[in-house]
Amino acid sequence: MRGTPSGVCIWRTFPLARILWARPSSTKLFVGGLSYDTNETVLKDVFEQHGDIIEVKVICDHKSGRSKGYGFVQFTSETAANTALKEMDGQLLDGRNIRVHFAHK
């Protein structure tokens, strides 16, 4: 049977296990669709209303120093990250609709 290394299929017994198994818990969010004018201070100000933040990073081009239009926000808790994802995905920030997803490791 497929499922776990031991051959036990937990999907039938615990249907939600498929969701939990598929997405590891995370406190780090990817934020895409940022305006080139959005900086780390703006991003932190908008996201910190959803919980305590460990780190905010807007990715910039190493030559020009200009934003590449995406960044990351890491929260202290999964609850805060989940809330921020639900509340901020699709919202308008600096004239752009941002996309928020869990960051991949």
PDB file of N, CA and C in Angstrom:
ATOM      1  N   MET A   1       0.825  -1.186   0.000  1.00  0.00           N
ATOM      2  CA  MET A   1       0.000   0.000   0.000  1.00  0.00           C
ATOM      3  C   MET A   1       0.866   1.246   0.000  1.00  0.00           C
ATOM      4  N   ARG A   2       0.343   2.278  -0.593  1.00  0.00           N
ATOM      5  CA  ARG A   2       1.043   3.551  -0.608  1.00  0.00           C
ATOM      6  C   ARG A   2       0.674   4.337   0.644  1.00  0.00           C
ATOM      7  N   GLY A   3       1.512   5.287   0.994  1.00  0.00           N
ATOM      8  CA  GLY A   3       1.170   6.157   2.119  1.00  0.00           C
ATOM      9  C   GLY A   3       2.364   6.421   3.004  1.00  0.00           C
ATOM     10  N   THR A   4       2.720   5.423   3.802  1.00  0.00           N
ATOM     11  CA  THR A   4       3.841   5.605   4.705  1.00  0.00           C
ATOM     12  C   THR A   4       4.877   4.539   4.403  1.00  0.00           C
ATOM     13  N   PRO A   5       6.095   4.724   4.861  1.00  0.00           N
ATOM     14  CA  PRO A   5       7.137   3.729   4.605  1.00  0.00           C
ATOM     15  C   PRO A   5       6.786   2.340   5.118  1.00  0.00           C
ATOM     16  N   SER A   6       5.988   2.235   6.158  1.00  0.00           N
ATOM     17  CA  SER A   6       5.633   0.931   6.717  1.00  0.00           C
ATOM     18  C   SER A   6       4.550   0.222   5.906  1.00  0.00           C
ATOM     19  N   GLY A   7       3.982   0.935   4.921  1.00  0.00           N
ATOM     20  CA  GLY A   7       2.951   0.338   4.092  1.00  0.00           C
ATOM     21  C   GLY A   7       1.545   0.561   4.609  1.00  0.00           C
ATOM     22  N   VAL A   8       1.397   1.262   5.713  1.00  0.00           N
ATOM     23  CA  VAL A   8       0.085   1.545   6.274  1.00  0.00           C
ATOM     24  C   VAL A   8      -0.502   2.752   5.549  1.00  0.00           C
ATOM     25  N   CYS A   9      -1.714   2.620   5.059  1.00  0.00           N
ATOM     26  CA  CYS A   9      -2.368   3.715   4.346  1.00  0.00           C
ATOM     27  C   CYS A   9      -3.230   4.499   5.329  1.00  0.00           C
ATOM     28  N   ILE A  10      -2.760   5.683   5.692  1.00  0.00           N
ATOM     29  CA  ILE A  10      -3.499   6.481   6.676  1.00  0.00           C
ATOM     30  C   ILE A  10      -4.563   7.351   6.034  1.00  0.00           C
ATOM     31  N   TRP A  11      -4.570   7.452   4.685  1.00  0.00           N
ATOM     32  CA  TRP A  11      -5.515   8.338   4.001  1.00  0.00           C
ATOM     33  C   TRP A  11      -6.966   7.917   4.240  1.00  0.00           C
ATOM     34  N   ARG A  12      -7.216   6.641   4.308  1.00  0.00           N
ATOM     35  CA  ARG A  12      -8.592   6.169   4.492  1.00  0.00           C
ATOM     36  C   ARG A  12      -9.077   6.376   5.917  1.00  0.00           C
ATOM     37  N   THR A  13      -8.192   6.163   6.875  1.00  0.00           N
ATOM     38  CA  THR A  13      -8.549   6.303   8.279  1.00  0.00           C
ATOM     39  C   THR A  13      -8.652   7.766   8.701  1.00  0.00           C
ATOM     40  N   PHE A  14      -7.723   8.575   8.220  1.00  0.00           N
ATOM     41  CA  PHE A  14      -7.667   9.995   8.578  1.00  0.00           C
ATOM     42  C   PHE A  14      -7.597  10.835   7.299  1.00  0.00           C
ATOM     43  N   PRO A  15      -8.747  11.190   6.720  1.00  0.00           N
ATOM     44  CA  PRO A  15      -8.744  11.928   5.449  1.00  0.00           C
ATOM     45  C   PRO A  15      -7.960  13.235   5.489  1.00  0.00           C
ATOM     46  N   LEU A  16      -7.931  13.924   6.626  1.00  0.00           N
ATOM     47  CA  LEU A  16      -7.186  15.179   6.705  1.00  0.00           C
ATOM     48  C   LEU A  16      -5.680  14.963   6.723  1.00  0.00           C
ATOM     49  N   ALA A  17      -5.252  13.738   6.957  1.00  0.00           N
ATOM     50  CA  ALA A  17      -3.821  13.451   6.992  1.00  0.00           C
ATOM     51  C   ALA A  17      -3.168  13.764   5.650  1.00  0.00           C
ATOM     52  N   ARG A  18      -3.897  13.614   4.547  1.00  0.00           N
ATOM     53  CA  ARG A  18      -3.350  13.909   3.225  1.00  0.00           C
ATOM     54  C   ARG A  18      -2.944  15.379   3.141  1.00  0.00           C
ATOM     55  N   ILE A  19      -3.756  16.265   3.681  1.00  0.00           N
ATOM     56  CA  ILE A  19      -3.453  17.693   3.666  1.00  0.00           C
ATOM     57  C   ILE A  19      -2.263  17.977   4.569  1.00  0.00           C
ATOM     58  N   LEU A  20      -2.283  17.421   5.762  1.00  0.00           N
ATOM     59  CA  LEU A  20      -1.209  17.676   6.712  1.00  0.00           C
ATOM     60  C   LEU A  20       0.114  17.096   6.225  1.00  0.00           C
ATOM     61  N   TRP A  21       0.056  15.960   5.557  1.00  0.00           N
ATOM     62  CA  TRP A  21       1.253  15.302   5.050  1.00  0.00           C
ATOM     63  C   TRP A  21       1.822  16.095   3.875  1.00  0.00           C
ATOM     64  N   ALA A  22       0.961  16.706   3.079  1.00  0.00           N
ATOM     65  CA  ALA A  22       1.374  17.384   1.856  1.00  0.00           C
ATOM     66  C   ALA A  22       2.023  18.743   2.129  1.00  0.00           C
ATOM     67  N   ARG A  23       1.594  19.456   3.164  1.00  0.00           N
ATOM     68  CA  ARG A  23       2.144  20.784   3.414  1.00  0.00           C
ATOM     69  C   ARG A  23       2.775  20.830   4.793  1.00  0.00           C
ATOM     70  N   PRO A  24       4.108  20.868   4.818  1.00  0.00           N
ATOM     71  CA  PRO A  24       4.734  20.982   6.127  1.00  0.00           C
ATOM     72  C   PRO A  24       4.386  22.315   6.762  1.00  0.00           C
ATOM     73  N   SER A  25       4.349  22.341   8.075  1.00  0.00           N
ATOM     74  CA  SER A  25       4.017  23.584   8.760  1.00  0.00           C
ATOM     75  C   SER A  25       5.079  24.630   8.460  1.00  0.00           C
ATOM     76  N   SER A  26       4.641  25.870   8.372  1.00  0.00           N
ATOM     77  CA  SER A  26       5.568  26.920   8.010  1.00  0.00           C
ATOM     78  C   SER A  26       5.168  28.241   8.646  1.00  0.00           C
ATOM     79  N   THR A  27       6.172  29.034   8.930  1.00  0.00           N
ATOM     80  CA  THR A  27       5.935  30.378   9.436  1.00  0.00           C
ATOM     81  C   THR A  27       6.428  31.416   8.437  1.00  0.00           C
ATOM     82  N   LYS A  28       6.978  30.959   7.310  1.00  0.00           N
ATOM     83  CA  LYS A  28       7.556  31.869   6.322  1.00  0.00           C
ATOM     84  C   LYS A  28       6.659  31.959   5.093  1.00  0.00           C
ATOM     85  N   LEU A  29       6.336  33.206   4.715  1.00  0.00           N
ATOM     86  CA  LEU A  29       5.462  33.451   3.569  1.00  0.00           C
ATOM     87  C   LEU A  29       6.232  34.080   2.411  1.00  0.00           C
ATOM     88  N   PHE A  30       5.897  33.672   1.207  1.00  0.00           N
ATOM     89  CA  PHE A  30       6.365  34.319  -0.017  1.00  0.00           C
ATOM     90  C   PHE A  30       5.341  35.391  -0.363  1.00  0.00           C
ATOM     91  N   VAL A  31       5.805  36.582  -0.700  1.00  0.00           N
ATOM     92  CA  VAL A  31       4.919  37.672  -1.099  1.00  0.00           C
ATOM     93  C   VAL A  31       5.358  38.127  -2.486  1.00  0.00           C
ATOM     94  N   GLY A  32       4.500  37.894  -3.484  1.00  0.00           N
ATOM     95  CA  GLY A  32       4.826  38.256  -4.859  1.00  0.00           C
ATOM     96  C   GLY A  32       3.940  39.365  -5.367  1.00  0.00           C
ATOM     97  N   GLY A  33       4.332  39.910  -6.516  1.00  0.00           N
ATOM     98  CA  GLY A  33       3.556  40.981  -7.128  1.00  0.00           C
ATOM     99  C   GLY A  33       3.768  42.333  -6.475  1.00  0.00           C
ATOM    100  N   LEU A  34       4.879  42.479  -5.763  1.00  0.00           N
ATOM    101  CA  LEU A  34       5.149  43.741  -5.080  1.00  0.00           C
ATOM    102  C   LEU A  34       5.504  44.840  -6.082  1.00  0.00           C
ATOM    103  N   SER A  35       5.118  46.048  -5.756  1.00  0.00           N
ATOM    104  CA  SER A  35       5.548  47.213  -6.517  1.00  0.00           C
ATOM    105  C   SER A  35       7.060  47.352  -6.337  1.00  0.00           C
ATOM    106  N   TYR A  36       7.729  47.893  -7.336  1.00  0.00           N
ATOM    107  CA  TYR A  36       9.165  48.117  -7.203  1.00  0.00           C
ATOM    108  C   TYR A  36       9.468  49.161  -6.127  1.00  0.00           C
ATOM    109  N   ASP A  37       8.460  49.907  -5.712  1.00  0.00           N
ATOM    110  CA  ASP A  37       8.619  50.919  -4.668  1.00  0.00           C
ATOM    111  C   ASP A  37       8.408  50.362  -3.265  1.00  0.00           C
ATOM    112  N   THR A  38       7.901  49.148  -3.144  1.00  0.00           N
ATOM    113  CA  THR A  38       7.651  48.563  -1.822  1.00  0.00           C
ATOM    114  C   THR A  38       8.972  48.123  -1.198  1.00  0.00           C
ATOM    115  N   ASN A  39       9.236  48.628  -0.001  1.00  0.00           N
ATOM    116  CA  ASN A  39      10.469  48.248   0.692  1.00  0.00           C
ATOM    117  C   ASN A  39      10.136  47.410   1.929  1.00  0.00           C
ATOM    118  N   GLU A  40      11.152  47.010   2.659  1.00  0.00           N
ATOM    119  CA  GLU A  40      10.957  46.134   3.819  1.00  0.00           C
ATOM    120  C   GLU A  40      10.153  46.809   4.929  1.00  0.00           C
ATOM    121  N   THR A  41      10.320  48.102   5.098  1.00  0.00           N
ATOM    122  CA  THR A  41       9.571  48.822   6.131  1.00  0.00           C
ATOM    123  C   THR A  41       8.072  48.798   5.826  1.00  0.00           C
ATOM    124  N   VAL A  42       7.716  49.060   4.573  1.00  0.00           N
ATOM    125  CA  VAL A  42       6.305  49.042   4.165  1.00  0.00           C
ATOM    126  C   VAL A  42       5.725  47.644   4.350  1.00  0.00           C
ATOM    127  N   LEU A  43       6.470  46.622   3.905  1.00  0.00           N
ATOM    128  CA  LEU A  43       6.001  45.237   4.009  1.00  0.00           C
ATOM    129  C   LEU A  43       5.798  44.840   5.473  1.00  0.00           C
ATOM    130  N   LYS A  44       6.728  45.221   6.328  1.00  0.00           N
ATOM    131  CA  LYS A  44       6.606  44.898   7.755  1.00  0.00           C
ATOM    132  C   LYS A  44       5.395  45.600   8.372  1.00  0.00           C
ATOM    133  N   ASP A  45       5.220  46.868   8.049  1.00  0.00           N
ATOM    134  CA  ASP A  45       4.092  47.622   8.609  1.00  0.00           C
ATOM    135  C   ASP A  45       2.749  46.994   8.260  1.00  0.00           C
ATOM    136  N   VAL A  46       2.629  46.479   7.051  1.00  0.00           N
ATOM    137  CA  VAL A  46       1.368  45.894   6.597  1.00  0.00           C
ATOM    138  C   VAL A  46       1.130  44.514   7.218  1.00  0.00           C
ATOM    139  N   PHE A  47       2.187  43.705   7.326  1.00  0.00           N
ATOM    140  CA  PHE A  47       2.023  42.333   7.795  1.00  0.00           C
ATOM    141  C   PHE A  47       2.043  42.194   9.316  1.00  0.00           C
ATOM    142  N   GLU A  48       2.648  43.128  10.041  1.00  0.00           N
ATOM    143  CA  GLU A  48       2.765  42.948  11.484  1.00  0.00           C
ATOM    144  C   GLU A  48       1.436  43.065  12.225  1.00  0.00           C
ATOM    145  N   GLN A  49       0.402  43.539  11.549  1.00  0.00           N
ATOM    146  CA  GLN A  49      -0.912  43.573  12.189  1.00  0.00           C
ATOM    147  C   GLN A  49      -1.482  42.164  12.381  1.00  0.00           C
ATOM    148  N   HIS A  50      -0.862  41.168  11.751  1.00  0.00           N
ATOM    149  CA  HIS A  50      -1.336  39.786  11.841  1.00  0.00           C
ATOM    150  C   HIS A  50      -0.537  38.951  12.833  1.00  0.00           C
ATOM    151  N   GLY A  51       0.524  39.514  13.393  1.00  0.00           N
ATOM    152  CA  GLY A  51       1.306  38.779  14.379  1.00  0.00           C
ATOM    153  C   GLY A  51       2.738  39.265  14.428  1.00  0.00           C
ATOM    154  N   ASP A  52       3.481  38.701  15.379  1.00  0.00           N
ATOM    155  CA  ASP A  52       4.879  39.083  15.560  1.00  0.00           C
ATOM    156  C   ASP A  52       5.736  38.533  14.425  1.00  0.00           C
ATOM    157  N   ILE A  53       6.626  39.377  13.923  1.00  0.00           N
ATOM    158  CA  ILE A  53       7.452  39.037  12.766  1.00  0.00           C
ATOM    159  C   ILE A  53       8.898  38.831  13.204  1.00  0.00           C
ATOM    160  N   ILE A  54       9.516  37.802  12.647  1.00  0.00           N
ATOM    161  CA  ILE A  54      10.937  37.533  12.879  1.00  0.00           C
ATOM    162  C   ILE A  54      11.784  38.299  11.869  1.00  0.00           C
ATOM    163  N   GLU A  55      11.370  38.225  10.589  1.00  0.00           N
ATOM    164  CA  GLU A  55      12.188  38.816   9.527  1.00  0.00           C
ATOM    165  C   GLU A  55      11.330  39.193   8.327  1.00  0.00           C
ATOM    166  N   VAL A  56      11.698  40.295   7.685  1.00  0.00           N
ATOM    167  CA  VAL A  56      11.085  40.723   6.429  1.00  0.00           C
ATOM    168  C   VAL A  56      12.217  40.967   5.446  1.00  0.00           C
ATOM    169  N   LYS A  57      12.080  40.422   4.242  1.00  0.00           N
ATOM    170  CA  LYS A  57      13.125  40.583   3.235  1.00  0.00           C
ATOM    171  C   LYS A  57      12.494  40.840   1.872  1.00  0.00           C
ATOM    172  N   VAL A  58      12.826  41.977   1.252  1.00  0.00           N
ATOM    173  CA  VAL A  58      12.443  42.257  -0.124  1.00  0.00           C
ATOM    174  C   VAL A  58      13.670  41.936  -0.972  1.00  0.00           C
ATOM    175  N   ILE A  59      13.507  41.087  -1.969  1.00  0.00           N
ATOM    176  CA  ILE A  59      14.626  40.662  -2.801  1.00  0.00           C
ATOM    177  C   ILE A  59      14.923  41.731  -3.846  1.00  0.00           C
ATOM    178  N   CYS A  60      16.188  42.138  -3.896  1.00  0.00           N
ATOM    179  CA  CYS A  60      16.609  43.208  -4.805  1.00  0.00           C
ATOM    180  C   CYS A  60      17.684  42.707  -5.765  1.00  0.00           C
ATOM    181  N   ASP A  61      17.742  43.345  -6.917  1.00  0.00           N
ATOM    182  CA  ASP A  61      18.791  43.066  -7.899  1.00  0.00           C
ATOM    183  C   ASP A  61      20.123  43.529  -7.311  1.00  0.00           C
ATOM    184  N   HIS A  62      21.135  42.687  -7.398  1.00  0.00           N
ATOM    185  CA  HIS A  62      22.410  43.027  -6.758  1.00  0.00           C
ATOM    186  C   HIS A  62      23.163  44.151  -7.472  1.00  0.00           C
ATOM    187  N   LYS A  63      22.882  44.371  -8.742  1.00  0.00           N
ATOM    188  CA  LYS A  63      23.566  45.447  -9.469  1.00  0.00           C
ATOM    189  C   LYS A  63      22.854  46.792  -9.320  1.00  0.00           C
ATOM    190  N   SER A  64      21.543  46.792  -9.566  1.00  0.00           N
ATOM    191  CA  SER A  64      20.795  48.056  -9.550  1.00  0.00           C
ATOM    192  C   SER A  64      20.274  48.422  -8.163  1.00  0.00           C
ATOM    193  N   GLY A  65      20.120  47.430  -7.278  1.00  0.00           N
ATOM    194  CA  GLY A  65      19.558  47.668  -5.957  1.00  0.00           C
ATOM    195  C   GLY A  65      18.046  47.798  -5.975  1.00  0.00           C
ATOM    196  N   ARG A  66      17.448  47.620  -7.143  1.00  0.00           N
ATOM    197  CA  ARG A  66      15.994  47.758  -7.303  1.00  0.00           C
ATOM    198  C   ARG A  66      15.286  46.447  -6.935  1.00  0.00           C
ATOM    199  N   SER A  67      14.124  46.573  -6.339  1.00  0.00           N
ATOM    200  CA  SER A  67      13.333  45.404  -5.956  1.00  0.00           C
ATOM    201  C   SER A  67      13.024  44.540  -7.179  1.00  0.00           C
ATOM    202  N   LYS A  68      13.032  43.227  -6.968  1.00  0.00           N
ATOM    203  CA  LYS A  68      12.647  42.294  -8.029  1.00  0.00           C
ATOM    204  C   LYS A  68      11.151  42.009  -8.008  1.00  0.00           C
ATOM    205  N   GLY A  69      10.422  42.610  -7.064  1.00  0.00           N
ATOM    206  CA  GLY A  69       8.969  42.464  -7.021  1.00  0.00           C
ATOM    207  C   GLY A  69       8.458  41.342  -6.146  1.00  0.00           C
ATOM    208  N   TYR A  70       9.341  40.784  -5.321  1.00  0.00           N
ATOM    209  CA  TYR A  70       8.879  39.760  -4.382  1.00  0.00           C
ATOM    210  C   TYR A  70       9.727  39.793  -3.114  1.00  0.00           C
ATOM    211  N   GLY A  71       9.200  39.154  -2.082  1.00  0.00           N
ATOM    212  CA  GLY A  71       9.920  39.107  -0.823  1.00  0.00           C
ATOM    213  C   GLY A  71       9.381  38.028   0.084  1.00  0.00           C
ATOM    214  N   PHE A  72       9.842  38.030   1.318  1.00  0.00           N
ATOM    215  CA  PHE A  72       9.467  37.016   2.293  1.00  0.00           C
ATOM    216  C   PHE A  72       9.172  37.675   3.636  1.00  0.00           C
ATOM    217  N   VAL A  73       8.204  37.105   4.344  1.00  0.00           N
ATOM    218  CA  VAL A  73       7.870  37.551   5.698  1.00  0.00           C
ATOM    219  C   VAL A  73       7.834  36.307   6.574  1.00  0.00           C
ATOM    220  N   GLN A  74       8.609  36.315   7.651  1.00  0.00           N
ATOM    221  CA  GLN A  74       8.612  35.172   8.564  1.00  0.00           C
ATOM    222  C   GLN A  74       8.026  35.590   9.899  1.00  0.00           C
ATOM    223  N   PHE A  75       7.029  34.829  10.337  1.00  0.00           N
ATOM    224  CA  PHE A  75       6.336  35.086  11.597  1.00  0.00           C
ATOM    225  C   PHE A  75       6.873  34.196  12.707  1.00  0.00           C
ATOM    226  N   THR A  76       6.558  34.560  13.947  1.00  0.00           N
ATOM    227  CA  THR A  76       6.971  33.755  15.091  1.00  0.00           C
ATOM    228  C   THR A  76       6.084  32.531  15.285  1.00  0.00           C
ATOM    229  N   SER A  77       4.883  32.548  14.687  1.00  0.00           N
ATOM    230  CA  SER A  77       3.973  31.413  14.867  1.00  0.00           C
ATOM    231  C   SER A  77       3.280  31.041  13.558  1.00  0.00           C
ATOM    232  N   GLU A  78       2.896  29.785  13.483  1.00  0.00           N
ATOM    233  CA  GLU A  78       2.144  29.299  12.318  1.00  0.00           C
ATOM    234  C   GLU A  78       0.769  29.965  12.245  1.00  0.00           C
ATOM    235  N   THR A  79       0.170  30.211  13.405  1.00  0.00           N
ATOM    236  CA  THR A  79      -1.149  30.843  13.449  1.00  0.00           C
ATOM    237  C   THR A  79      -1.103  32.223  12.807  1.00  0.00           C
ATOM    238  N   ALA A  80      -0.099  33.002  13.155  1.00  0.00           N
ATOM    239  CA  ALA A  80       0.051  34.338  12.575  1.00  0.00           C
ATOM    240  C   ALA A  80       0.288  34.259  11.069  1.00  0.00           C
ATOM    241  N   ALA A  81       1.116  33.315  10.641  1.00  0.00           N
ATOM    242  CA  ALA A  81       1.391  33.149   9.209  1.00  0.00           C
ATOM    243  C   ALA A  81       0.120  32.758   8.454  1.00  0.00           C
ATOM    244  N   ASN A  82      -0.655  31.843   9.014  1.00  0.00           N
ATOM    245  CA  ASN A  82      -1.919  31.420   8.386  1.00  0.00           C
ATOM    246  C   ASN A  82      -2.892  32.584   8.270  1.00  0.00           C
ATOM    247  N   THR A  83      -3.007  33.361   9.328  1.00  0.00           N
ATOM    248  CA  THR A  83      -3.908  34.512   9.321  1.00  0.00           C
ATOM    249  C   THR A  83      -3.473  35.526   8.272  1.00  0.00           C
ATOM    250  N   ALA A  84      -2.190  35.823   8.246  1.00  0.00           N
ATOM    251  CA  ALA A  84      -1.670  36.790   7.273  1.00  0.00           C
ATOM    252  C   ALA A  84      -1.890  36.308   5.844  1.00  0.00           C
ATOM    253  N   LEU A  85      -1.672  35.030   5.598  1.00  0.00           N
ATOM    254  CA  LEU A  85      -1.888  34.485   4.258  1.00  0.00           C
ATOM    255  C   LEU A  85      -3.342  34.672   3.829  1.00  0.00           C
ATOM    256  N   LYS A  86      -4.260  34.315   4.702  1.00  0.00           N
ATOM    257  CA  LYS A  86      -5.685  34.417   4.375  1.00  0.00           C
ATOM    258  C   LYS A  86      -6.132  35.860   4.185  1.00  0.00           C
ATOM    259  N   GLU A  87      -5.626  36.758   5.019  1.00  0.00           N
ATOM    260  CA  GLU A  87      -6.057  38.151   4.991  1.00  0.00           C
ATOM    261  C   GLU A  87      -5.374  38.979   3.899  1.00  0.00           C
ATOM    262  N   MET A  88      -4.128  38.648   3.565  1.00  0.00           N
ATOM    263  CA  MET A  88      -3.348  39.508   2.671  1.00  0.00           C
ATOM    264  C   MET A  88      -3.306  39.055   1.212  1.00  0.00           C
ATOM    265  N   ASP A  89      -3.554  37.786   0.944  1.00  0.00           N
ATOM    266  CA  ASP A  89      -3.491  37.307  -0.445  1.00  0.00           C
ATOM    267  C   ASP A  89      -4.528  38.042  -1.295  1.00  0.00           C
ATOM    268  N   GLY A  90      -4.074  38.694  -2.352  1.00  0.00           N
ATOM    269  CA  GLY A  90      -4.951  39.413  -3.263  1.00  0.00           C
ATOM    270  C   GLY A  90      -5.210  40.858  -2.890  1.00  0.00           C
ATOM    271  N   GLN A  91      -4.667  41.301  -1.748  1.00  0.00           N
ATOM    272  CA  GLN A  91      -4.889  42.677  -1.298  1.00  0.00           C
ATOM    273  C   GLN A  91      -4.038  43.665  -2.093  1.00  0.00           C
ATOM    274  N   LEU A  92      -4.482  44.902  -2.103  1.00  0.00           N
ATOM    275  CA  LEU A  92      -3.784  45.979  -2.792  1.00  0.00           C
ATOM    276  C   LEU A  92      -2.705  46.558  -1.879  1.00  0.00           C
ATOM    277  N   LEU A  93      -1.477  46.632  -2.392  1.00  0.00           N
ATOM    278  CA  LEU A  93      -0.361  47.219  -1.661  1.00  0.00           C
ATOM    279  C   LEU A  93       0.464  48.046  -2.632  1.00  0.00           C
ATOM    280  N   ASP A  94       0.586  49.314  -2.368  1.00  0.00           N
ATOM    281  CA  ASP A  94       1.316  50.237  -3.249  1.00  0.00           C
ATOM    282  C   ASP A  94       0.857  50.135  -4.703  1.00  0.00           C
ATOM    283  N   GLY A  95      -0.467  50.017  -4.884  1.00  0.00           N
ATOM    284  CA  GLY A  95      -1.037  50.004  -6.228  1.00  0.00           C
ATOM    285  C   GLY A  95      -0.999  48.665  -6.943  1.00  0.00           C
ATOM    286  N   ARG A  96      -0.575  47.586  -6.260  1.00  0.00           N
ATOM    287  CA  ARG A  96      -0.494  46.260  -6.881  1.00  0.00           C
ATOM    288  C   ARG A  96      -1.224  45.237  -6.021  1.00  0.00           C
ATOM    289  N   ASN A  97      -1.887  44.280  -6.669  1.00  0.00           N
ATOM    290  CA  ASN A  97      -2.492  43.163  -5.939  1.00  0.00           C
ATOM    291  C   ASN A  97      -1.399  42.142  -5.657  1.00  0.00           C
ATOM    292  N   ILE A  98      -1.133  41.902  -4.379  1.00  0.00           N
ATOM    293  CA  ILE A  98      -0.055  40.988  -4.010  1.00  0.00           C
ATOM    294  C   ILE A  98      -0.567  39.553  -3.921  1.00  0.00           C
ATOM    295  N   ARG A  99       0.355  38.621  -4.100  1.00  0.00           N
ATOM    296  CA  ARG A  99       0.073  37.191  -3.955  1.00  0.00           C
ATOM    297  C   ARG A  99       0.860  36.689  -2.746  1.00  0.00           C
ATOM    298  N   VAL A 100       0.204  35.963  -1.880  1.00  0.00           N
ATOM    299  CA  VAL A 100       0.853  35.448  -0.682  1.00  0.00           C
ATOM    300  C   VAL A 100       0.685  33.934  -0.636  1.00  0.00           C
ATOM    301  N   HIS A 101       1.800  33.243  -0.455  1.00  0.00           N
ATOM    302  CA  HIS A 101       1.816  31.766  -0.369  1.00  0.00           C
ATOM    303  C   HIS A 101       2.826  31.359   0.690  1.00  0.00           C
ATOM    304  N   PHE A 102       2.733  30.114   1.137  1.00  0.00           N
ATOM    305  CA  PHE A 102       3.776  29.594   2.012  1.00  0.00           C
ATOM    306  C   PHE A 102       5.054  29.466   1.197  1.00  0.00           C
ATOM    307  N   ALA A 103       6.165  29.847   1.793  1.00  0.00           N
ATOM    308  CA  ALA A 103       7.468  29.757   1.120  1.00  0.00           C
ATOM    309  C   ALA A 103       7.924  28.300   1.101  1.00  0.00           C
ATOM    310  N   HIS A 104       8.580  27.921   0.023  1.00  0.00           N
ATOM    311  CA  HIS A 104       9.160  26.582  -0.083  1.00  0.00           C
ATOM    312  C   HIS A 104      10.535  26.603   0.558  1.00  0.00           C
ATOM    313  N   LYS A 105      10.895  25.494   1.128  1.00  0.00           N
ATOM    314  CA  LYS A 105      12.216  25.390   1.776  1.00  0.00           C
ATOM    315  C   LYS A 105      13.304  25.252   0.749  1.00  0.00           C
TER     316      LYS A 105
END
